[in-house]
Amino acid sequence: MEREYAVGWGTLALINAGLAQGKGRSAPGWFLGSLLLGPLATLLIVALPRIQLHSD
């Protein structure tokens, strides 16, 4: 049972990294944060606005 829990948590961290990258945020940083925060990190990623990159 614990192994499945760890696999699910790791999968969620990978998904969160992809979501964060799509919003212009650090994928590795959010991956590590997701390992600690889990579903709360998903909520934060979804709630935070997209980072706009300014091209001059």
N, C-alpha and C. Protein backbone atom coordinates (compact mmCIF):
# COMPACT_ATOMS: atom_id res chain seq x y z
N MET A 1 0.82 -1.20 0.00
CA MET A 1 0.00 0.00 0.00
C MET A 1 0.86 1.26 0.00
N GLU A 2 1.94 1.28 0.77
CA GLU A 2 2.80 2.46 0.84
C GLU A 2 3.47 2.74 -0.49
N ARG A 3 3.80 1.70 -1.23
CA ARG A 3 4.46 1.88 -2.53
C ARG A 3 3.53 2.59 -3.50
N GLU A 4 2.27 2.21 -3.53
CA GLU A 4 1.31 2.86 -4.42
C GLU A 4 1.12 4.33 -4.04
N TYR A 5 1.13 4.59 -2.75
CA TYR A 5 1.00 5.97 -2.27
C TYR A 5 2.18 6.80 -2.75
N ALA A 6 3.38 6.27 -2.65
CA ALA A 6 4.59 6.98 -3.09
C ALA A 6 4.58 7.20 -4.59
N VAL A 7 4.14 6.22 -5.35
CA VAL A 7 4.07 6.36 -6.81
C VAL A 7 3.06 7.45 -7.18
N GLY A 8 1.92 7.46 -6.53
CA GLY A 8 0.91 8.49 -6.79
C GLY A 8 1.40 9.88 -6.44
N TRP A 9 2.10 10.00 -5.31
CA TRP A 9 2.63 11.29 -4.88
C TRP A 9 3.68 11.79 -5.87
N GLY A 10 4.54 10.89 -6.33
CA GLY A 10 5.56 11.26 -7.32
C GLY A 10 4.95 11.65 -8.65
N THR A 11 3.90 10.92 -9.05
CA THR A 11 3.21 11.26 -10.30
C THR A 11 2.57 12.63 -10.20
N LEU A 12 1.97 12.94 -9.08
CA LEU A 12 1.37 14.25 -8.87
C LEU A 12 2.44 15.34 -8.94
N ALA A 13 3.61 15.08 -8.40
CA ALA A 13 4.71 16.05 -8.44
C ALA A 13 5.13 16.31 -9.89
N LEU A 14 5.18 15.26 -10.71
CA LEU A 14 5.53 15.43 -12.13
C LEU A 14 4.47 16.24 -12.86
N ILE A 15 3.22 15.95 -12.59
CA ILE A 15 2.12 16.69 -13.22
C ILE A 15 2.18 18.16 -12.80
N ASN A 16 2.43 18.41 -11.53
CA ASN A 16 2.53 19.79 -11.05
C ASN A 16 3.69 20.52 -11.70
N ALA A 17 4.81 19.83 -11.91
CA ALA A 17 5.95 20.46 -12.59
C ALA A 17 5.56 20.89 -14.00
N GLY A 18 4.82 20.05 -14.70
CA GLY A 18 4.35 20.40 -16.04
C GLY A 18 3.38 21.57 -16.02
N LEU A 19 2.47 21.58 -15.06
CA LEU A 19 1.53 22.69 -14.92
C LEU A 19 2.27 24.00 -14.64
N ALA A 20 3.24 23.93 -13.74
CA ALA A 20 4.00 25.12 -13.38
C ALA A 20 4.79 25.65 -14.58
N GLN A 21 5.40 24.77 -15.32
CA GLN A 21 6.17 25.18 -16.49
C GLN A 21 5.26 25.84 -17.52
N GLY A 22 4.07 25.32 -17.68
CA GLY A 22 3.11 25.90 -18.60
C GLY A 22 2.67 27.29 -18.20
N LYS A 23 2.81 27.62 -16.92
CA LYS A 23 2.44 28.95 -16.42
C LYS A 23 3.67 29.84 -16.26
N GLY A 24 4.80 29.42 -16.81
CA GLY A 24 6.01 30.24 -16.76
C GLY A 24 6.76 30.18 -15.45
N ARG A 25 6.53 29.16 -14.67
CA ARG A 25 7.19 29.02 -13.37
C ARG A 25 8.23 27.91 -13.43
N SER A 26 9.03 27.79 -12.40
CA SER A 26 10.12 26.84 -12.34
C SER A 26 9.60 25.41 -12.16
N ALA A 27 9.79 24.59 -13.17
CA ALA A 27 9.34 23.20 -13.08
C ALA A 27 10.09 22.43 -11.99
N PRO A 28 11.44 22.50 -11.93
CA PRO A 28 12.14 21.77 -10.86
C PRO A 28 11.76 22.25 -9.45
N GLY A 29 11.59 23.55 -9.32
CA GLY A 29 11.20 24.09 -8.01
C GLY A 29 9.83 23.61 -7.57
N TRP A 30 8.88 23.62 -8.50
CA TRP A 30 7.53 23.16 -8.17
C TRP A 30 7.49 21.65 -8.00
N PHE A 31 8.35 20.93 -8.70
CA PHE A 31 8.42 19.48 -8.49
C PHE A 31 8.82 19.19 -7.05
N LEU A 32 9.88 19.86 -6.59
CA LEU A 32 10.34 19.64 -5.21
C LEU A 32 9.30 20.13 -4.20
N GLY A 33 8.69 21.27 -4.49
CA GLY A 33 7.65 21.77 -3.60
C GLY A 33 6.46 20.82 -3.53
N SER A 34 6.16 20.21 -4.66
CA SER A 34 5.03 19.28 -4.71
C SER A 34 5.31 18.01 -3.92
N LEU A 35 6.57 17.61 -3.86
CA LEU A 35 6.90 16.44 -3.05
C LEU A 35 6.59 16.71 -1.58
N LEU A 36 6.71 17.96 -1.17
CA LEU A 36 6.41 18.33 0.21
C LEU A 36 4.93 18.66 0.43
N LEU A 37 4.33 19.38 -0.53
CA LEU A 37 2.97 19.89 -0.34
C LEU A 37 1.87 19.05 -0.96
N GLY A 38 2.23 18.24 -1.96
CA GLY A 38 1.26 17.37 -2.62
C GLY A 38 0.11 18.13 -3.26
N PRO A 39 -1.11 17.74 -2.97
CA PRO A 39 -2.28 18.37 -3.60
C PRO A 39 -2.41 19.86 -3.32
N LEU A 40 -1.88 20.33 -2.21
CA LEU A 40 -1.91 21.75 -1.92
C LEU A 40 -1.10 22.53 -2.97
N ALA A 41 0.00 21.95 -3.43
CA ALA A 41 0.79 22.59 -4.48
C ALA A 41 -0.02 22.69 -5.77
N THR A 42 -0.81 21.68 -6.08
CA THR A 42 -1.67 21.72 -7.27
C THR A 42 -2.62 22.89 -7.17
N LEU A 43 -3.23 23.06 -6.04
CA LEU A 43 -4.15 24.18 -5.82
C LEU A 43 -3.44 25.52 -6.00
N LEU A 44 -2.24 25.64 -5.46
CA LEU A 44 -1.49 26.88 -5.59
C LEU A 44 -1.14 27.17 -7.05
N ILE A 45 -0.70 26.17 -7.78
CA ILE A 45 -0.33 26.36 -9.18
C ILE A 45 -1.53 26.82 -9.99
N VAL A 46 -2.66 26.20 -9.75
CA VAL A 46 -3.87 26.56 -10.50
C VAL A 46 -4.34 27.97 -10.11
N ALA A 47 -4.22 28.34 -8.86
CA ALA A 47 -4.72 29.62 -8.38
C ALA A 47 -3.81 30.79 -8.74
N LEU A 48 -2.50 30.54 -8.82
CA LEU A 48 -1.57 31.63 -9.12
C LEU A 48 -1.69 32.04 -10.59
N PRO A 49 -1.53 33.33 -10.86
CA PRO A 49 -1.62 33.79 -12.26
C PRO A 49 -0.40 33.36 -13.07
N ARG A 50 -0.60 33.32 -14.38
CA ARG A 50 0.49 33.01 -15.31
C ARG A 50 1.50 34.15 -15.26
N ILE A 51 2.78 33.81 -15.33
CA ILE A 51 3.83 34.81 -15.37
C ILE A 51 3.99 35.28 -16.81
N GLN A 52 3.83 36.60 -17.01
CA GLN A 52 3.96 37.17 -18.34
C GLN A 52 5.42 37.57 -18.56
N LEU A 53 6.02 37.05 -19.61
CA LEU A 53 7.38 37.42 -19.97
C LEU A 53 7.31 38.59 -20.93
N HIS A 54 8.01 39.67 -20.59
CA HIS A 54 7.99 40.87 -21.42
C HIS A 54 9.13 40.79 -22.42
N SER A 55 8.84 40.93 -23.69
CA SER A 55 9.88 40.97 -24.70
C SER A 55 9.98 42.40 -25.23
N ASP A 56 11.17 42.96 -25.06
CA ASP A 56 11.38 44.36 -25.47
C ASP A 56 11.99 44.43 -26.84
